[in-house]
Structures are given as C-alpha cells and as structure tokens.
Amino acid sequence: MNAQIENVLTKNHRASGLQTAEFSRILLIKPSALGDVVHTIPVLVKLRARYPRARIDWLITPENAEVVRHHPALSNVVLFARRDFSKRGRRWGAMLAFFELLKQ
C-alpha cells in the first residue's frame, strides 16, 4: 500500500498539475477501520511535507481519533459520529451539521 501512496504522491501528481498546485486546506477522510487509519498516516506525513503551510484536518470516528489526534503533521481532528447517520431521527441533522463543517 505504501508503494501505491508513493506513486500517487510523486509520479501521478506531476502529470495532473498537482506538483505546482498550492492548497491552503486539506481534509483527510478516513473515518473508521483502525488498520486503514494507521496505513493512512504516511499520507498525512507526505501531505505535510508537500504542503507545509496548509491546514490539514482529519475526519474520523471518535473511537479512532486518539490514534491521530496529537500527530505533529495534523492541524485538527474532525469527529464524525457515524451512528448519527444511521438513526432516522438524527440523519438530517447530522447531514446538515456535516455540510456546515465542510464550509468552515
């Protein structure tokens, strides 16, 4: 998997113009699956190296937030309560809150 990440962040971005692009805000979206979260940490490190001034946030479930919360390459943790999307009465409220969060 790390080889795939390296390929995306080095070779492929040259062709797509990302090499010269500057981003001020980046949101990693990997809310759950602890193993996937751990394997995504190298992406965070590469993004921070490439975009040192960008705000890099991570959308993640509360259960996995502590794994990345204090990582030096991360600006902020955005909690995503997946259970709110599965409950009928809360679904619309959760969606509206999520869209408001994305506007920030």
PDB file of N, CA and C in Angstrom:
ATOM      1  N   MET A   1       0.820  -1.196   0.000  1.00  0.00           N
ATOM      2  CA  MET A   1       0.000   0.000   0.000  1.00  0.00           C
ATOM      3  C   MET A   1       0.863   1.259   0.000  1.00  0.00           C
ATOM      4  N   ASN A   2       1.960   1.264   0.762  1.00  0.00           N
ATOM      5  CA  ASN A   2       2.820   2.445   0.791  1.00  0.00           C
ATOM      6  C   ASN A   2       3.413   2.749  -0.579  1.00  0.00           C
ATOM      7  N   ALA A   3       3.681   1.707  -1.370  1.00  0.00           N
ATOM      8  CA  ALA A   3       4.189   1.930  -2.722  1.00  0.00           C
ATOM      9  C   ALA A   3       3.140   2.636  -3.578  1.00  0.00           C
ATOM     10  N   GLN A   4       1.884   2.276  -3.397  1.00  0.00           N
ATOM     11  CA  GLN A   4       0.804   2.934  -4.135  1.00  0.00           C
ATOM     12  C   GLN A   4       0.689   4.398  -3.731  1.00  0.00           C
ATOM     13  N   ILE A   5       0.803   4.657  -2.442  1.00  0.00           N
ATOM     14  CA  ILE A   5       0.739   6.033  -1.946  1.00  0.00           C
ATOM     15  C   ILE A   5       1.889   6.842  -2.521  1.00  0.00           C
ATOM     16  N   GLU A   6       3.084   6.269  -2.486  1.00  0.00           N
ATOM     17  CA  GLU A   6       4.260   6.951  -3.021  1.00  0.00           C
ATOM     18  C   GLU A   6       4.059   7.273  -4.494  1.00  0.00           C
ATOM     19  N   ASN A   7       3.493   6.335  -5.242  1.00  0.00           N
ATOM     20  CA  ASN A   7       3.240   6.546  -6.656  1.00  0.00           C
ATOM     21  C   ASN A   7       2.266   7.699  -6.872  1.00  0.00           C
ATOM     22  N   VAL A   8       1.211   7.724  -6.105  1.00  0.00           N
ATOM     23  CA  VAL A   8       0.217   8.791  -6.241  1.00  0.00           C
ATOM     24  C   VAL A   8       0.824  10.141  -5.901  1.00  0.00           C
ATOM     25  N   LEU A   9       1.621  10.199  -4.845  1.00  0.00           N
ATOM     26  CA  LEU A   9       2.150  11.478  -4.382  1.00  0.00           C
ATOM     27  C   LEU A   9       3.397  11.938  -5.132  1.00  0.00           C
ATOM     28  N   THR A  10       3.973  11.105  -5.957  1.00  0.00           N
ATOM     29  CA  THR A  10       5.160  11.536  -6.698  1.00  0.00           C
ATOM     30  C   THR A  10       4.903  11.536  -8.199  1.00  0.00           C
ATOM     31  N   LYS A  11       4.826  10.382  -8.824  1.00  0.00           N
ATOM     32  CA  LYS A  11       4.713  10.295 -10.279  1.00  0.00           C
ATOM     33  C   LYS A  11       3.399  10.858 -10.810  1.00  0.00           C
ATOM     34  N   ASN A  12       2.298  10.428 -10.260  1.00  0.00           N
ATOM     35  CA  ASN A  12       0.999  10.815 -10.812  1.00  0.00           C
ATOM     36  C   ASN A  12       0.695  12.295 -10.662  1.00  0.00           C
ATOM     37  N   HIS A  13       1.144  12.918  -9.605  1.00  0.00           N
ATOM     38  CA  HIS A  13       0.778  14.322  -9.419  1.00  0.00           C
ATOM     39  C   HIS A  13       1.510  15.238 -10.388  1.00  0.00           C
ATOM     40  N   ARG A  14       2.635  14.802 -10.926  1.00  0.00           N
ATOM     41  CA  ARG A  14       3.327  15.618 -11.927  1.00  0.00           C
ATOM     42  C   ARG A  14       2.462  15.778 -13.167  1.00  0.00           C
ATOM     43  N   ALA A  15       1.867  14.687 -13.593  1.00  0.00           N
ATOM     44  CA  ALA A  15       1.058  14.718 -14.806  1.00  0.00           C
ATOM     45  C   ALA A  15      -0.233  15.510 -14.609  1.00  0.00           C
ATOM     46  N   SER A  16      -0.745  15.519 -13.413  1.00  0.00           N
ATOM     47  CA  SER A  16      -2.037  16.170 -13.191  1.00  0.00           C
ATOM     48  C   SER A  16      -1.920  17.631 -12.790  1.00  0.00           C
ATOM     49  N   GLY A  17      -0.728  18.139 -12.628  1.00  0.00           N
ATOM     50  CA  GLY A  17      -0.564  19.531 -12.257  1.00  0.00           C
ATOM     51  C   GLY A  17      -0.530  19.778 -10.764  1.00  0.00           C
ATOM     52  N   LEU A  18      -0.628  18.746  -9.960  1.00  0.00           N
ATOM     53  CA  LEU A  18      -0.595  18.926  -8.509  1.00  0.00           C
ATOM     54  C   LEU A  18       0.783  19.326  -7.999  1.00  0.00           C
ATOM     55  N   GLN A  19       1.798  19.090  -8.790  1.00  0.00           N
ATOM     56  CA  GLN A  19       3.148  19.429  -8.351  1.00  0.00           C
ATOM     57  C   GLN A  19       3.276  20.924  -8.085  1.00  0.00           C
ATOM     58  N   THR A  20       2.624  21.727  -8.862  1.00  0.00           N
ATOM     59  CA  THR A  20       2.735  23.174  -8.689  1.00  0.00           C
ATOM     60  C   THR A  20       1.543  23.773  -7.948  1.00  0.00           C
ATOM     61  N   ALA A  21       0.532  22.976  -7.696  1.00  0.00           N
ATOM     62  CA  ALA A  21      -0.657  23.482  -7.000  1.00  0.00           C
ATOM     63  C   ALA A  21      -0.353  23.715  -5.528  1.00  0.00           C
ATOM     64  N   GLU A  22      -0.952  24.738  -4.987  1.00  0.00           N
ATOM     65  CA  GLU A  22      -0.833  25.023  -3.556  1.00  0.00           C
ATOM     66  C   GLU A  22      -2.223  24.939  -2.943  1.00  0.00           C
ATOM     67  N   PHE A  23      -2.308  24.249  -1.843  1.00  0.00           N
ATOM     68  CA  PHE A  23      -3.576  24.102  -1.142  1.00  0.00           C
ATOM     69  C   PHE A  23      -3.446  24.712   0.238  1.00  0.00           C
ATOM     70  N   SER A  24      -4.465  25.445   0.658  1.00  0.00           N
ATOM     71  CA  SER A  24      -4.428  26.027   1.996  1.00  0.00           C
ATOM     72  C   SER A  24      -5.172  25.151   2.999  1.00  0.00           C
ATOM     73  N   ARG A  25      -6.071  24.301   2.496  1.00  0.00           N
ATOM     74  CA  ARG A  25      -6.843  23.421   3.378  1.00  0.00           C
ATOM     75  C   ARG A  25      -6.967  22.041   2.748  1.00  0.00           C
ATOM     76  N   ILE A  26      -6.721  21.017   3.569  1.00  0.00           N
ATOM     77  CA  ILE A  26      -6.809  19.631   3.112  1.00  0.00           C
ATOM     78  C   ILE A  26      -7.604  18.854   4.160  1.00  0.00           C
ATOM     79  N   LEU A  27      -8.542  18.044   3.715  1.00  0.00           N
ATOM     80  CA  LEU A  27      -9.314  17.208   4.627  1.00  0.00           C
ATOM     81  C   LEU A  27      -9.093  15.749   4.266  1.00  0.00           C
ATOM     82  N   LEU A  28      -8.482  15.003   5.171  1.00  0.00           N
ATOM     83  CA  LEU A  28      -8.362  13.558   5.021  1.00  0.00           C
ATOM     84  C   LEU A  28      -9.666  12.949   5.519  1.00  0.00           C
ATOM     85  N   ILE A  29     -10.234  12.062   4.738  1.00  0.00           N
ATOM     86  CA  ILE A  29     -11.474  11.412   5.140  1.00  0.00           C
ATOM     87  C   ILE A  29     -11.209   9.918   5.238  1.00  0.00           C
ATOM     88  N   LYS A  30     -11.000   9.479   6.433  1.00  0.00           N
ATOM     89  CA  LYS A  30     -10.813   8.063   6.730  1.00  0.00           C
ATOM     90  C   LYS A  30     -11.412   7.862   8.107  1.00  0.00           C
ATOM     91  N   PRO A  31     -12.755   7.731   8.173  1.00  0.00           N
ATOM     92  CA  PRO A  31     -13.417   7.792   9.467  1.00  0.00           C
ATOM     93  C   PRO A  31     -13.222   6.588  10.370  1.00  0.00           C
ATOM     94  N   SER A  32     -13.090   5.395   9.826  1.00  0.00           N
ATOM     95  CA  SER A  32     -13.059   4.233  10.705  1.00  0.00           C
ATOM     96  C   SER A  32     -12.103   3.183  10.167  1.00  0.00           C
ATOM     97  N   ALA A  33     -12.207   1.977  10.667  1.00  0.00           N
ATOM     98  CA  ALA A  33     -11.313   0.867  10.331  1.00  0.00           C
ATOM     99  C   ALA A  33      -9.892   1.214  10.770  1.00  0.00           C
ATOM    100  N   LEU A  34      -9.587   0.853  11.988  1.00  0.00           N
ATOM    101  CA  LEU A  34      -8.328   1.229  12.617  1.00  0.00           C
ATOM    102  C   LEU A  34      -7.113   0.920  11.750  1.00  0.00           C
ATOM    103  N   GLY A  35      -7.094  -0.237  11.104  1.00  0.00           N
ATOM    104  CA  GLY A  35      -5.962  -0.589  10.246  1.00  0.00           C
ATOM    105  C   GLY A  35      -5.797   0.380   9.089  1.00  0.00           C
ATOM    106  N   ASP A  36      -6.908   0.779   8.486  1.00  0.00           N
ATOM    107  CA  ASP A  36      -6.855   1.752   7.393  1.00  0.00           C
ATOM    108  C   ASP A  36      -6.381   3.108   7.885  1.00  0.00           C
ATOM    109  N   VAL A  37      -6.811   3.487   9.083  1.00  0.00           N
ATOM    110  CA  VAL A  37      -6.368   4.756   9.664  1.00  0.00           C
ATOM    111  C   VAL A  37      -4.854   4.741   9.842  1.00  0.00           C
ATOM    112  N   VAL A  38      -4.339   3.662  10.408  1.00  0.00           N
ATOM    113  CA  VAL A  38      -2.890   3.545  10.634  1.00  0.00           C
ATOM    114  C   VAL A  38      -2.136   3.577   9.311  1.00  0.00           C
ATOM    115  N   HIS A  39      -2.661   2.906   8.300  1.00  0.00           N
ATOM    116  CA  HIS A  39      -1.987   2.890   6.997  1.00  0.00           C
ATOM    117  C   HIS A  39      -2.108   4.214   6.250  1.00  0.00           C
ATOM    118  N   THR A  40      -2.986   5.092   6.673  1.00  0.00           N
ATOM    119  CA  THR A  40      -3.135   6.400   6.043  1.00  0.00           C
ATOM    120  C   THR A  40      -2.198   7.439   6.653  1.00  0.00           C
ATOM    121  N   ILE A  41      -1.619   7.159   7.800  1.00  0.00           N
ATOM    122  CA  ILE A  41      -0.715   8.114   8.451  1.00  0.00           C
ATOM    123  C   ILE A  41       0.454   8.519   7.545  1.00  0.00           C
ATOM    124  N   PRO A  42       1.065   7.607   6.771  1.00  0.00           N
ATOM    125  CA  PRO A  42       2.127   8.056   5.857  1.00  0.00           C
ATOM    126  C   PRO A  42       1.649   9.079   4.824  1.00  0.00           C
ATOM    127  N   VAL A  43       0.390   9.003   4.431  1.00  0.00           N
ATOM    128  CA  VAL A  43      -0.170  10.005   3.512  1.00  0.00           C
ATOM    129  C   VAL A  43      -0.182  11.367   4.197  1.00  0.00           C
ATOM    130  N   LEU A  44      -0.579  11.396   5.451  1.00  0.00           N
ATOM    131  CA  LEU A  44      -0.568  12.634   6.228  1.00  0.00           C
ATOM    132  C   LEU A  44       0.832  13.239   6.269  1.00  0.00           C
ATOM    133  N   VAL A  45       1.822  12.412   6.524  1.00  0.00           N
ATOM    134  CA  VAL A  45       3.209  12.889   6.604  1.00  0.00           C
ATOM    135  C   VAL A  45       3.661  13.455   5.261  1.00  0.00           C
ATOM    136  N   LYS A  46       3.349  12.764   4.179  1.00  0.00           N
ATOM    137  CA  LYS A  46       3.722  13.244   2.838  1.00  0.00           C
ATOM    138  C   LYS A  46       3.001  14.550   2.491  1.00  0.00           C
ATOM    139  N   LEU A  47       1.729  14.628   2.845  1.00  0.00           N
ATOM    140  CA  LEU A  47       0.986  15.864   2.582  1.00  0.00           C
ATOM    141  C   LEU A  47       1.584  17.038   3.345  1.00  0.00           C
ATOM    142  N   ARG A  48       1.952  16.829   4.600  1.00  0.00           N
ATOM    143  CA  ARG A  48       2.553  17.905   5.397  1.00  0.00           C
ATOM    144  C   ARG A  48       3.889  18.336   4.798  1.00  0.00           C
ATOM    145  N   ALA A  49       4.679  17.373   4.335  1.00  0.00           N
ATOM    146  CA  ALA A  49       5.968  17.710   3.718  1.00  0.00           C
ATOM    147  C   ALA A  49       5.759  18.507   2.435  1.00  0.00           C
ATOM    148  N   ARG A  50       4.749  18.151   1.664  1.00  0.00           N
ATOM    149  CA  ARG A  50       4.493  18.828   0.391  1.00  0.00           C
ATOM    150  C   ARG A  50       3.801  20.177   0.576  1.00  0.00           C
ATOM    151  N   TYR A  51       2.925  20.276   1.577  1.00  0.00           N
ATOM    152  CA  TYR A  51       2.162  21.499   1.820  1.00  0.00           C
ATOM    153  C   TYR A  51       2.365  21.949   3.272  1.00  0.00           C
ATOM    154  N   PRO A  52       3.537  22.459   3.594  1.00  0.00           N
ATOM    155  CA  PRO A  52       3.861  22.770   4.998  1.00  0.00           C
ATOM    156  C   PRO A  52       2.985  23.849   5.633  1.00  0.00           C
ATOM    157  N   ARG A  53       2.401  24.725   4.842  1.00  0.00           N
ATOM    158  CA  ARG A  53       1.571  25.805   5.410  1.00  0.00           C
ATOM    159  C   ARG A  53       0.074  25.505   5.382  1.00  0.00           C
ATOM    160  N   ALA A  54      -0.294  24.385   4.813  1.00  0.00           N
ATOM    161  CA  ALA A  54      -1.717  24.044   4.696  1.00  0.00           C
ATOM    162  C   ALA A  54      -2.297  23.606   6.036  1.00  0.00           C
ATOM    163  N   ARG A  55      -3.572  23.862   6.192  1.00  0.00           N
ATOM    164  CA  ARG A  55      -4.305  23.317   7.337  1.00  0.00           C
ATOM    165  C   ARG A  55      -4.747  21.919   6.913  1.00  0.00           C
ATOM    166  N   ILE A  56      -4.305  20.909   7.647  1.00  0.00           N
ATOM    167  CA  ILE A  56      -4.658  19.525   7.332  1.00  0.00           C
ATOM    168  C   ILE A  56      -5.502  18.972   8.473  1.00  0.00           C
ATOM    169  N   ASP A  57      -6.765  18.701   8.173  1.00  0.00           N
ATOM    170  CA  ASP A  57      -7.690  18.133   9.146  1.00  0.00           C
ATOM    171  C   ASP A  57      -7.994  16.688   8.765  1.00  0.00           C
ATOM    172  N   TRP A  58      -8.447  15.912   9.751  1.00  0.00           N
ATOM    173  CA  TRP A  58      -8.771  14.507   9.520  1.00  0.00           C
ATOM    174  C   TRP A  58     -10.171  14.232  10.036  1.00  0.00           C
ATOM    175  N   LEU A  59     -11.062  13.821   9.153  1.00  0.00           N
ATOM    176  CA  LEU A  59     -12.415  13.408   9.515  1.00  0.00           C
ATOM    177  C   LEU A  59     -12.341  11.957   9.969  1.00  0.00           C
ATOM    178  N   ILE A  60     -12.719  11.699  11.229  1.00  0.00           N
ATOM    179  CA  ILE A  60     -12.503  10.378  11.817  1.00  0.00           C
ATOM    180  C   ILE A  60     -13.552  10.112  12.896  1.00  0.00           C
ATOM    181  N   THR A  61     -13.812   8.850  13.163  1.00  0.00           N
ATOM    182  CA  THR A  61     -14.764   8.499  14.220  1.00  0.00           C
ATOM    183  C   THR A  61     -14.136   8.747  15.589  1.00  0.00           C
ATOM    184  N   PRO A  62     -14.977   9.036  16.580  1.00  0.00           N
ATOM    185  CA  PRO A  62     -14.447   9.269  17.931  1.00  0.00           C
ATOM    186  C   PRO A  62     -13.633   8.090  18.458  1.00  0.00           C
ATOM    187  N   GLU A  63     -13.996   6.875  18.056  1.00  0.00           N
ATOM    188  CA  GLU A  63     -13.288   5.681  18.530  1.00  0.00           C
ATOM    189  C   GLU A  63     -11.834   5.642  18.064  1.00  0.00           C
ATOM    190  N   ASN A  64     -11.536   6.231  16.926  1.00  0.00           N
ATOM    191  CA  ASN A  64     -10.179   6.190  16.372  1.00  0.00           C
ATOM    192  C   ASN A  64      -9.435   7.515  16.469  1.00  0.00           C
ATOM    193  N   ALA A  65     -10.087   8.528  16.975  1.00  0.00           N
ATOM    194  CA  ALA A  65      -9.499   9.871  16.982  1.00  0.00           C
ATOM    195  C   ALA A  65      -8.188   9.954  17.746  1.00  0.00           C
ATOM    196  N   GLU A  66      -8.073   9.234  18.844  1.00  0.00           N
ATOM    197  CA  GLU A  66      -6.861   9.338  19.660  1.00  0.00           C
ATOM    198  C   GLU A  66      -5.624   8.803  18.948  1.00  0.00           C
ATOM    199  N   VAL A  67      -5.815   7.971  17.946  1.00  0.00           N
ATOM    200  CA  VAL A  67      -4.677   7.428  17.195  1.00  0.00           C
ATOM    201  C   VAL A  67      -3.926   8.543  16.472  1.00  0.00           C
ATOM    202  N   VAL A  68      -4.647   9.557  15.994  1.00  0.00           N
ATOM    203  CA  VAL A  68      -4.020  10.612  15.193  1.00  0.00           C
ATOM    204  C   VAL A  68      -4.087  11.997  15.821  1.00  0.00           C
ATOM    205  N   ARG A  69      -4.859  12.161  16.875  1.00  0.00           N
ATOM    206  CA  ARG A  69      -5.139  13.487  17.434  1.00  0.00           C
ATOM    207  C   ARG A  69      -3.886  14.325  17.693  1.00  0.00           C
ATOM    208  N   HIS A  70      -2.832  13.747  18.194  1.00  0.00           N
ATOM    209  CA  HIS A  70      -1.641  14.513  18.568  1.00  0.00           C
ATOM    210  C   HIS A  70      -0.496  14.381  17.559  1.00  0.00           C
ATOM    211  N   HIS A  71      -0.815  13.919  16.366  1.00  0.00           N
ATOM    212  CA  HIS A  71       0.238  13.791  15.345  1.00  0.00           C
ATOM    213  C   HIS A  71       0.712  15.190  14.946  1.00  0.00           C
ATOM    214  N   PRO A  72       2.020  15.417  14.912  1.00  0.00           N
ATOM    215  CA  PRO A  72       2.529  16.764  14.622  1.00  0.00           C
ATOM    216  C   PRO A  72       2.206  17.281  13.221  1.00  0.00           C
ATOM    217  N   ALA A  73       1.908  16.410  12.285  1.00  0.00           N
ATOM    218  CA  ALA A  73       1.589  16.854  10.925  1.00  0.00           C
ATOM    219  C   ALA A  73       0.125  17.247  10.767  1.00  0.00           C
ATOM    220  N   LEU A  74      -0.670  16.994  11.786  1.00  0.00           N
ATOM    221  CA  LEU A  74      -2.111  17.223  11.704  1.00  0.00           C
ATOM    222  C   LEU A  74      -2.497  18.532  12.374  1.00  0.00           C
ATOM    223  N   SER A  75      -3.367  19.293  11.720  1.00  0.00           N
ATOM    224  CA  SER A  75      -3.850  20.552  12.293  1.00  0.00           C
ATOM    225  C   SER A  75      -5.013  20.334  13.246  1.00  0.00           C
ATOM    226  N   ASN A  76      -5.949  19.454  12.855  1.00  0.00           N
ATOM    227  CA  ASN A  76      -7.160  19.302  13.652  1.00  0.00           C
ATOM    228  C   ASN A  76      -7.820  17.962  13.357  1.00  0.00           C
ATOM    229  N   VAL A  77      -8.535  17.450  14.344  1.00  0.00           N
ATOM    230  CA  VAL A  77      -9.343  16.246  14.191  1.00  0.00           C
ATOM    231  C   VAL A  77     -10.806  16.674  14.138  1.00  0.00           C
ATOM    232  N   VAL A  78     -11.519  16.199  13.133  1.00  0.00           N
ATOM    233  CA  VAL A  78     -12.944  16.475  12.985  1.00  0.00           C
ATOM    234  C   VAL A  78     -13.676  15.171  13.273  1.00  0.00           C
ATOM    235  N   LEU A  79     -14.459  15.161  14.339  1.00  0.00           N
ATOM    236  CA  LEU A  79     -15.142  13.931  14.732  1.00  0.00           C
ATOM    237  C   LEU A  79     -16.365  13.676  13.862  1.00  0.00           C
ATOM    238  N   PHE A  80     -16.497  12.444  13.447  1.00  0.00           N
ATOM    239  CA  PHE A  80     -17.601  12.002  12.598  1.00  0.00           C
ATOM    240  C   PHE A  80     -18.328  10.876  13.322  1.00  0.00           C
ATOM    241  N   ALA A  81     -19.498  11.155  13.847  1.00  0.00           N
ATOM    242  CA  ALA A  81     -20.281  10.154  14.571  1.00  0.00           C
ATOM    243  C   ALA A  81     -21.156   9.399  13.577  1.00  0.00           C
ATOM    244  N   ARG A  82     -20.639   8.333  13.058  1.00  0.00           N
ATOM    245  CA  ARG A  82     -21.333   7.553  12.033  1.00  0.00           C
ATOM    246  C   ARG A  82     -22.703   7.081  12.513  1.00  0.00           C
ATOM    247  N   ARG A  83     -22.817   6.785  13.792  1.00  0.00           N
ATOM    248  CA  ARG A  83     -24.090   6.281  14.323  1.00  0.00           C
ATOM    249  C   ARG A  83     -25.218   7.298  14.137  1.00  0.00           C
ATOM    250  N   ASP A  84     -24.883   8.594  14.103  1.00  0.00           N
ATOM    251  CA  ASP A  84     -25.918   9.611  13.895  1.00  0.00           C
ATOM    252  C   ASP A  84     -26.528   9.525  12.499  1.00  0.00           C
ATOM    253  N   PHE A  85     -25.768   9.020  11.545  1.00  0.00           N
ATOM    254  CA  PHE A  85     -26.280   8.892  10.182  1.00  0.00           C
ATOM    255  C   PHE A  85     -27.166   7.660  10.027  1.00  0.00           C
ATOM    256  N   SER A  86     -27.059   6.737  10.964  1.00  0.00           N
ATOM    257  CA  SER A  86     -27.851   5.515  10.845  1.00  0.00           C
ATOM    258  C   SER A  86     -29.170   5.594  11.606  1.00  0.00           C
ATOM    259  N   LYS A  87     -29.350   6.615  12.418  1.00  0.00           N
ATOM    260  CA  LYS A  87     -30.595   6.769  13.177  1.00  0.00           C
ATOM    261  C   LYS A  87     -31.517   7.721  12.433  1.00  0.00           C
ATOM    262  N   ARG A  88     -32.711   7.278  12.155  1.00  0.00           N
ATOM    263  CA  ARG A  88     -33.636   8.056  11.332  1.00  0.00           C
ATOM    264  C   ARG A  88     -33.855   9.474  11.827  1.00  0.00           C
ATOM    265  N   GLY A  89     -34.104   9.646  13.071  1.00  0.00           N
ATOM    266  CA  GLY A  89     -34.404  10.972  13.589  1.00  0.00           C
ATOM    267  C   GLY A  89     -33.228  11.931  13.546  1.00  0.00           C
ATOM    268  N   ARG A  90     -32.038  11.402  13.535  1.00  0.00           N
ATOM    269  CA  ARG A  90     -30.842  12.253  13.579  1.00  0.00           C
ATOM    270  C   ARG A  90     -30.183  12.450  12.214  1.00  0.00           C
ATOM    271  N   ARG A  91     -30.566  11.666  11.250  1.00  0.00           N
ATOM    272  CA  ARG A  91     -29.864  11.654   9.964  1.00  0.00           C
ATOM    273  C   ARG A  91     -29.776  13.031   9.311  1.00  0.00           C
ATOM    274  N   TRP A  92     -30.911  13.737   9.191  1.00  0.00           N
ATOM    275  CA  TRP A  92     -30.891  15.045   8.523  1.00  0.00           C
ATOM    276  C   TRP A  92     -30.094  16.063   9.319  1.00  0.00           C
ATOM    277  N   GLY A  93     -30.253  16.040  10.627  1.00  0.00           N
ATOM    278  CA  GLY A  93     -29.479  16.952  11.467  1.00  0.00           C
ATOM    279  C   GLY A  93     -27.989  16.696  11.347  1.00  0.00           C
ATOM    280  N   ALA A  94     -27.617  15.429  11.296  1.00  0.00           N
ATOM    281  CA  ALA A  94     -26.206  15.074  11.152  1.00  0.00           C
ATOM    282  C   ALA A  94     -25.673  15.514   9.794  1.00  0.00           C
ATOM    283  N   MET A  95     -26.483  15.352   8.754  1.00  0.00           N
ATOM    284  CA  MET A  95     -26.045  15.773   7.424  1.00  0.00           C
ATOM    285  C   MET A  95     -25.866  17.283   7.354  1.00  0.00           C
ATOM    286  N   LEU A  96     -26.803  18.021   7.917  1.00  0.00           N
ATOM    287  CA  LEU A  96     -26.682  19.483   7.919  1.00  0.00           C
ATOM    288  C   LEU A  96     -25.457  19.932   8.708  1.00  0.00           C
ATOM    289  N   ALA A  97     -25.216  19.305   9.843  1.00  0.00           N
ATOM    290  CA  ALA A  97     -24.038  19.642  10.646  1.00  0.00           C
ATOM    291  C   ALA A  97     -22.764  19.328   9.873  1.00  0.00           C
ATOM    292  N   PHE A  98     -22.763  18.221   9.139  1.00  0.00           N
ATOM    293  CA  PHE A  98     -21.592  17.847   8.346  1.00  0.00           C
ATOM    294  C   PHE A  98     -21.334  18.872   7.245  1.00  0.00           C
ATOM    295  N   PHE A  99     -22.371  19.311   6.552  1.00  0.00           N
ATOM    296  CA  PHE A  99     -22.187  20.307   5.492  1.00  0.00           C
ATOM    297  C   PHE A  99     -21.722  21.648   6.055  1.00  0.00           C
ATOM    298  N   GLU A 100     -22.218  22.015   7.207  1.00  0.00           N
ATOM    299  CA  GLU A 100     -21.746  23.242   7.863  1.00  0.00           C
ATOM    300  C   GLU A 100     -20.270  23.124   8.211  1.00  0.00           C
ATOM    301  N   LEU A 101     -19.880  21.954   8.653  1.00  0.00           N
ATOM    302  CA  LEU A 101     -18.484  21.705   8.987  1.00  0.00           C
ATOM    303  C   LEU A 101     -17.591  21.863   7.760  1.00  0.00           C
ATOM    304  N   LEU A 102     -18.052  21.369   6.624  1.00  0.00           N
ATOM    305  CA  LEU A 102     -17.262  21.476   5.399  1.00  0.00           C
ATOM    306  C   LEU A 102     -17.096  22.920   4.940  1.00  0.00           C
ATOM    307  N   LYS A 103     -18.026  23.790   5.285  1.00  0.00           N
ATOM    308  CA  LYS A 103     -17.934  25.200   4.898  1.00  0.00           C
ATOM    309  C   LYS A 103     -16.867  25.955   5.680  1.00  0.00           C
ATOM    310  N   GLN A 104     -16.503  25.454   6.845  1.00  0.00           N
ATOM    311  CA  GLN A 104     -15.549  26.168   7.707  1.00  0.00           C
ATOM    312  C   GLN A 104     -14.201  26.328   7.059  1.00  0.00           C
TER     313      GLN A 104
END
